Amino acid sequence: MPLSFPNVGIQNMSMRLKRVVAVAESPFTLDTQVYTHQGARWEAEVALPPLTYAEARSVEAFIIGLKGREGTFTFGNPLHTDTANVTTSGTTAIRAETLTTSGGSTAVSAGTYFQLGSYLYLVTADKSSGAGTLEFQPPLREAIATGQALDFTQPKSLWRMASNEVSWSTNEASLQGFSFAMVEAL
């Protein structure tokens, strides 16, 4: 583990960032208090295109090999890719939401995904080229040393299935359909 996701493409994907935030509202004044906890993770649902029996075998083996929620795998949306070149220029503590970048770093637009270690992040504010600060979400999963390169080319994260039960279907044309829910493995 982790397993690599089979190279069969995706037909449809929905993705979200789930946070742990509590809001208490007074029944008398309607004033609110917000409690922001540390929890944040990616969640997604994926549907694969119709696969022939030969194509589907690798997906079946992959799903069964995960053993439900026990196993982990790497996965990234193939449409999220960029050519940015960014390197950290200082150590950064776990749960930080900004990174200091080196002078050779390129510009990065808000909404760009990147991978650092085994996890996926999203840039939340434009960063000009050169040294500077890169703002992102979710917070860092692990401490980062100076000189680490961020991967913008098909970034991936570490995932696990959202349920221990995963199924697939076969139609009369012998095409198999797969859809499943997954959560980031923290």
C-alpha atoms as a PDB file:
ATOM      1  CA  MET A   1       0.000   0.000   0.000  1.00  0.00           C
ATOM      2  CA  PRO A   2      -0.723   2.503  -1.245  1.00  0.00           C
ATOM      3  CA  LEU A   3      -2.007   1.039  -4.520  1.00  0.00           C
ATOM      4  CA  SER A   4      -1.933   2.986  -7.774  1.00  0.00           C
ATOM      5  CA  PHE A   5      -5.298   3.735  -9.337  1.00  0.00           C
ATOM      6  CA  PRO A   6      -5.731   1.840 -12.654  1.00  0.00           C
ATOM      7  CA  ASN A   7      -5.243   3.916 -15.805  1.00  0.00           C
ATOM      8  CA  VAL A   8      -8.819   3.719 -17.155  1.00  0.00           C
ATOM      9  CA  GLY A   9      -9.851   7.382 -17.078  1.00  0.00           C
ATOM     10  CA  ILE A  10     -12.822   8.908 -15.321  1.00  0.00           C
ATOM     11  CA  GLN A  11     -16.254   9.795 -16.662  1.00  0.00           C
ATOM     12  CA  ASN A  12     -17.438  12.004 -13.832  1.00  0.00           C
ATOM     13  CA  MET A  13     -16.054  13.256 -10.530  1.00  0.00           C
ATOM     14  CA  SER A  14     -17.410  15.455  -7.757  1.00  0.00           C
ATOM     15  CA  MET A  15     -15.038  16.695  -5.102  1.00  0.00           C
ATOM     16  CA  ARG A  16     -15.345  18.772  -1.938  1.00  0.00           C
ATOM     17  CA  LEU A  17     -13.324  19.908   1.059  1.00  0.00           C
ATOM     18  CA  LYS A  18     -15.059  18.968   4.317  1.00  0.00           C
ATOM     19  CA  ARG A  19     -14.283  21.043   7.410  1.00  0.00           C
ATOM     20  CA  VAL A  20     -15.100  20.620  11.088  1.00  0.00           C
ATOM     21  CA  VAL A  21     -16.706  23.918  12.144  1.00  0.00           C
ATOM     22  CA  ALA A  22     -19.365  24.252  14.849  1.00  0.00           C
ATOM     23  CA  VAL A  23     -21.734  27.204  15.101  1.00  0.00           C
ATOM     24  CA  ALA A  24     -23.724  27.971  18.248  1.00  0.00           C
ATOM     25  CA  GLU A  25     -26.625  30.387  17.865  1.00  0.00           C
ATOM     26  CA  SER A  26     -28.421  32.079  20.739  1.00  0.00           C
ATOM     27  CA  PRO A  27     -32.170  31.369  20.575  1.00  0.00           C
ATOM     28  CA  PHE A  28     -32.806  34.838  22.106  1.00  0.00           C
ATOM     29  CA  THR A  29     -30.443  37.224  20.311  1.00  0.00           C
ATOM     30  CA  LEU A  30     -29.476  35.086  17.294  1.00  0.00           C
ATOM     31  CA  ASP A  31     -25.849  36.018  17.977  1.00  0.00           C
ATOM     32  CA  THR A  32     -23.481  33.285  16.833  1.00  0.00           C
ATOM     33  CA  GLN A  33     -20.226  31.847  18.044  1.00  0.00           C
ATOM     34  CA  VAL A  34     -18.074  29.942  15.579  1.00  0.00           C
ATOM     35  CA  TYR A  35     -15.698  27.172  16.674  1.00  0.00           C
ATOM     36  CA  THR A  36     -13.192  26.234  13.999  1.00  0.00           C
ATOM     37  CA  HIS A  37     -11.597  22.871  14.696  1.00  0.00           C
ATOM     38  CA  GLN A  38      -8.490  21.451  12.975  1.00  0.00           C
ATOM     39  CA  GLY A  39     -10.278  18.860  10.860  1.00  0.00           C
ATOM     40  CA  ALA A  40     -10.363  19.251   7.065  1.00  0.00           C
ATOM     41  CA  ARG A  41     -10.239  16.568   4.358  1.00  0.00           C
ATOM     42  CA  TRP A  42     -10.979  16.026   0.693  1.00  0.00           C
ATOM     43  CA  GLU A  43     -13.936  13.801  -0.230  1.00  0.00           C
ATOM     44  CA  ALA A  44     -15.010  12.684  -3.705  1.00  0.00           C
ATOM     45  CA  GLU A  45     -17.325  10.500  -5.748  1.00  0.00           C
ATOM     46  CA  VAL A  46     -15.982   9.013  -8.984  1.00  0.00           C
ATOM     47  CA  ALA A  47     -17.742   7.311 -11.898  1.00  0.00           C
ATOM     48  CA  LEU A  48     -15.621   5.474 -14.438  1.00  0.00           C
ATOM     49  CA  PRO A  49     -16.551   5.255 -18.118  1.00  0.00           C
ATOM     50  CA  PRO A  50     -18.184   2.005 -19.314  1.00  0.00           C
ATOM     51  CA  LEU A  51     -15.414  -0.620 -19.446  1.00  0.00           C
ATOM     52  CA  THR A  52     -15.103  -3.839 -21.395  1.00  0.00           C
ATOM     53  CA  TYR A  53     -14.546  -7.023 -19.449  1.00  0.00           C
ATOM     54  CA  ALA A  54     -10.791  -6.903 -20.208  1.00  0.00           C
ATOM     55  CA  GLU A  55     -10.526  -3.269 -19.039  1.00  0.00           C
ATOM     56  CA  ALA A  56     -12.659  -3.891 -15.956  1.00  0.00           C
ATOM     57  CA  ARG A  57     -10.498  -6.723 -14.609  1.00  0.00           C
ATOM     58  CA  SER A  58      -7.783  -4.315 -13.409  1.00  0.00           C
ATOM     59  CA  VAL A  59     -10.398  -2.140 -11.672  1.00  0.00           C
ATOM     60  CA  GLU A  60     -12.007  -5.170  -9.989  1.00  0.00           C
ATOM     61  CA  ALA A  61      -8.593  -6.360  -8.770  1.00  0.00           C
ATOM     62  CA  PHE A  62      -7.791  -2.860  -7.509  1.00  0.00           C
ATOM     63  CA  ILE A  63     -11.073  -2.529  -5.566  1.00  0.00           C
ATOM     64  CA  ILE A  64     -10.855  -6.005  -4.040  1.00  0.00           C
ATOM     65  CA  GLY A  65      -7.156  -5.470  -3.238  1.00  0.00           C
ATOM     66  CA  LEU A  66      -8.011  -2.432  -1.093  1.00  0.00           C
ATOM     67  CA  LYS A  67      -9.930  -4.680   1.347  1.00  0.00           C
ATOM     68  CA  GLY A  68     -12.647  -2.090   1.926  1.00  0.00           C
ATOM     69  CA  ARG A  69     -11.481   0.901   3.953  1.00  0.00           C
ATOM     70  CA  GLU A  70      -8.291  -0.854   5.086  1.00  0.00           C
ATOM     71  CA  GLY A  71      -6.131  -0.072   2.061  1.00  0.00           C
ATOM     72  CA  THR A  72      -5.054   3.251   0.606  1.00  0.00           C
ATOM     73  CA  PHE A  73      -4.407   4.436  -2.930  1.00  0.00           C
ATOM     74  CA  THR A  74      -3.123   7.459  -4.816  1.00  0.00           C
ATOM     75  CA  PHE A  75      -5.513   9.355  -7.058  1.00  0.00           C
ATOM     76  CA  GLY A  76      -5.646  12.729  -8.782  1.00  0.00           C
ATOM     77  CA  ASN A  77      -7.933  14.380 -11.283  1.00  0.00           C
ATOM     78  CA  PRO A  78      -6.190  14.134 -14.691  1.00  0.00           C
ATOM     79  CA  LEU A  79      -7.587  17.551 -15.672  1.00  0.00           C
ATOM     80  CA  HIS A  80      -5.695  19.290 -12.858  1.00  0.00           C
ATOM     81  CA  THR A  81      -2.202  19.793 -14.194  1.00  0.00           C
ATOM     82  CA  ASP A  82       0.121  22.785 -14.379  1.00  0.00           C
ATOM     83  CA  THR A  83       3.747  23.531 -15.197  1.00  0.00           C
ATOM     84  CA  ALA A  84       4.554  25.788 -12.233  1.00  0.00           C
ATOM     85  CA  ASN A  85       7.945  25.355 -10.581  1.00  0.00           C
ATOM     86  CA  VAL A  86       7.858  26.201  -6.870  1.00  0.00           C
ATOM     87  CA  THR A  87      10.297  25.262  -4.099  1.00  0.00           C
ATOM     88  CA  THR A  88       9.946  25.977  -0.375  1.00  0.00           C
ATOM     89  CA  SER A  89      12.543  28.288   1.167  1.00  0.00           C
ATOM     90  CA  GLY A  90      11.950  27.624   4.832  1.00  0.00           C
ATOM     91  CA  THR A  91      10.663  24.994   7.194  1.00  0.00           C
ATOM     92  CA  THR A  92       6.907  25.034   7.706  1.00  0.00           C
ATOM     93  CA  ALA A  93       5.012  23.531  10.635  1.00  0.00           C
ATOM     94  CA  ILE A  94       2.134  21.082  10.358  1.00  0.00           C
ATOM     95  CA  ARG A  95      -1.302  22.779   9.935  1.00  0.00           C
ATOM     96  CA  ALA A  96       0.223  25.916   8.345  1.00  0.00           C
ATOM     97  CA  GLU A  97      -1.795  27.544   5.545  1.00  0.00           C
ATOM     98  CA  THR A  98       1.068  29.392   3.845  1.00  0.00           C
ATOM     99  CA  LEU A  99       4.495  28.422   2.487  1.00  0.00           C
ATOM    100  CA  THR A 100       7.501  30.657   1.867  1.00  0.00           C
ATOM    101  CA  THR A 101       8.858  30.073  -1.643  1.00  0.00           C
ATOM    102  CA  SER A 102      12.333  30.546  -3.142  1.00  0.00           C
ATOM    103  CA  GLY A 103      13.431  33.236  -5.596  1.00  0.00           C
ATOM    104  CA  GLY A 104      13.315  30.857  -8.579  1.00  0.00           C
ATOM    105  CA  SER A 105       9.636  30.059  -8.113  1.00  0.00           C
ATOM    106  CA  THR A 106       7.192  30.760 -10.946  1.00  0.00           C
ATOM    107  CA  ALA A 107       3.842  32.537 -10.704  1.00  0.00           C
ATOM    108  CA  VAL A 108       0.891  30.416  -9.545  1.00  0.00           C
ATOM    109  CA  SER A 109      -2.785  31.283 -10.017  1.00  0.00           C
ATOM    110  CA  ALA A 110      -5.476  30.829  -7.382  1.00  0.00           C
ATOM    111  CA  GLY A 111      -7.373  27.587  -7.992  1.00  0.00           C
ATOM    112  CA  THR A 112      -4.264  25.620  -8.983  1.00  0.00           C
ATOM    113  CA  TYR A 113      -3.815  22.202  -7.345  1.00  0.00           C
ATOM    114  CA  PHE A 114      -0.444  20.902  -6.153  1.00  0.00           C
ATOM    115  CA  GLN A 115       0.944  17.905  -4.301  1.00  0.00           C
ATOM    116  CA  LEU A 116       3.338  18.124  -1.382  1.00  0.00           C
ATOM    117  CA  GLY A 117       4.351  14.822   0.177  1.00  0.00           C
ATOM    118  CA  SER A 118       1.382  12.471  -0.196  1.00  0.00           C
ATOM    119  CA  TYR A 119      -1.331  15.130  -0.089  1.00  0.00           C
ATOM    120  CA  LEU A 120      -3.299  17.442  -2.362  1.00  0.00           C
ATOM    121  CA  TYR A 121      -3.646  21.199  -1.802  1.00  0.00           C
ATOM    122  CA  LEU A 122      -5.359  24.092  -3.602  1.00  0.00           C
ATOM    123  CA  VAL A 123      -3.798  27.557  -4.013  1.00  0.00           C
ATOM    124  CA  THR A 124      -6.224  30.170  -2.630  1.00  0.00           C
ATOM    125  CA  ALA A 125      -4.537  33.424  -3.745  1.00  0.00           C
ATOM    126  CA  ASP A 126      -2.438  34.387  -6.774  1.00  0.00           C
ATOM    127  CA  LYS A 127       1.337  34.249  -6.160  1.00  0.00           C
ATOM    128  CA  SER A 128       3.683  36.226  -8.405  1.00  0.00           C
ATOM    129  CA  SER A 129       6.965  34.767  -9.661  1.00  0.00           C
ATOM    130  CA  GLY A 130      10.058  34.794  -7.461  1.00  0.00           C
ATOM    131  CA  ALA A 131      10.265  34.559  -3.697  1.00  0.00           C
ATOM    132  CA  GLY A 132       7.025  35.052  -1.833  1.00  0.00           C
ATOM    133  CA  THR A 133       4.206  33.467   0.105  1.00  0.00           C
ATOM    134  CA  LEU A 134       1.923  30.771  -1.282  1.00  0.00           C
ATOM    135  CA  GLU A 135      -1.515  30.571   0.367  1.00  0.00           C
ATOM    136  CA  PHE A 136      -3.383  27.247   0.175  1.00  0.00           C
ATOM    137  CA  GLN A 137      -5.967  24.897   1.708  1.00  0.00           C
ATOM    138  CA  PRO A 138      -6.391  22.507   3.439  1.00  0.00           C
ATOM    139  CA  PRO A 139      -3.774  23.095   6.158  1.00  0.00           C
ATOM    140  CA  LEU A 140      -0.487  21.168   5.853  1.00  0.00           C
ATOM    141  CA  ARG A 141      -0.701  17.497   6.782  1.00  0.00           C
ATOM    142  CA  GLU A 142       2.975  17.237   7.790  1.00  0.00           C
ATOM    143  CA  ALA A 143       5.908  19.540   8.573  1.00  0.00           C
ATOM    144  CA  ILE A 144       7.842  20.634   5.474  1.00  0.00           C
ATOM    145  CA  ALA A 145      11.606  21.179   5.214  1.00  0.00           C
ATOM    146  CA  THR A 146      13.292  23.871   3.157  1.00  0.00           C
ATOM    147  CA  GLY A 147      14.047  23.042  -0.470  1.00  0.00           C
ATOM    148  CA  GLN A 148      10.989  20.831  -1.105  1.00  0.00           C
ATOM    149  CA  ALA A 149       9.518  21.028  -4.611  1.00  0.00           C
ATOM    150  CA  LEU A 150       5.744  21.275  -5.029  1.00  0.00           C
ATOM    151  CA  ASP A 151       4.325  18.952  -7.717  1.00  0.00           C
ATOM    152  CA  PHE A 152       1.867  20.708 -10.050  1.00  0.00           C
ATOM    153  CA  THR A 153       1.941  18.006 -12.760  1.00  0.00           C
ATOM    154  CA  GLN A 154      -1.099  15.793 -12.156  1.00  0.00           C
ATOM    155  CA  PRO A 155      -0.997  16.150  -8.361  1.00  0.00           C
ATOM    156  CA  LYS A 156      -2.419  13.298  -6.306  1.00  0.00           C
ATOM    157  CA  SER A 157      -3.465  12.648  -2.758  1.00  0.00           C
ATOM    158  CA  LEU A 158      -3.660   9.575  -0.554  1.00  0.00           C
ATOM    159  CA  TRP A 159      -7.213   8.174  -0.422  1.00  0.00           C
ATOM    160  CA  ARG A 160      -9.261   5.313   0.992  1.00  0.00           C
ATOM    161  CA  MET A 161     -12.723   4.087   0.122  1.00  0.00           C
ATOM    162  CA  ALA A 162     -15.539   5.810   2.034  1.00  0.00           C
ATOM    163  CA  SER A 163     -17.297   2.482   2.604  1.00  0.00           C
ATOM    164  CA  ASN A 164     -16.362  -1.146   3.073  1.00  0.00           C
ATOM    165  CA  GLU A 165     -18.952  -2.074   0.437  1.00  0.00           C
ATOM    166  CA  VAL A 166     -18.101  -1.356  -3.197  1.00  0.00           C
ATOM    167  CA  SER A 167     -20.095  -2.752  -6.094  1.00  0.00           C
ATOM    168  CA  TRP A 168     -20.152  -2.603  -9.876  1.00  0.00           C
ATOM    169  CA  SER A 169     -22.620  -3.459 -12.591  1.00  0.00           C
ATOM    170  CA  THR A 170     -22.646  -5.178 -15.985  1.00  0.00           C
ATOM    171  CA  ASN A 171     -25.119  -4.402 -18.768  1.00  0.00           C
ATOM    172  CA  GLU A 172     -26.397  -6.459 -21.704  1.00  0.00           C
ATOM    173  CA  ALA A 173     -23.585  -5.131 -23.938  1.00  0.00           C
ATOM    174  CA  SER A 174     -21.076  -6.661 -21.476  1.00  0.00           C
ATOM    175  CA  LEU A 175     -19.884  -3.217 -20.406  1.00  0.00           C
ATOM    176  CA  GLN A 176     -19.121  -2.768 -16.740  1.00  0.00           C
ATOM    177  CA  GLY A 177     -19.797   0.363 -14.704  1.00  0.00           C
ATOM    178  CA  PHE A 178     -17.994   1.448 -11.571  1.00  0.00           C
ATOM    179  CA  SER A 179     -18.755   4.290  -9.181  1.00  0.00           C
ATOM    180  CA  PHE A 180     -17.476   4.780  -5.670  1.00  0.00           C
ATOM    181  CA  ALA A 181     -16.990   7.328  -2.910  1.00  0.00           C
ATOM    182  CA  MET A 182     -13.605   8.020  -1.342  1.00  0.00           C
ATOM    183  CA  VAL A 183     -12.107  10.156   1.421  1.00  0.00           C
ATOM    184  CA  GLU A 184      -8.621  11.485   1.943  1.00  0.00           C
ATOM    185  CA  ALA A 185      -6.563   9.107   4.099  1.00  0.00           C
ATOM    186  CA  LEU A 186      -5.120  11.166   6.942  1.00  0.00           C
END
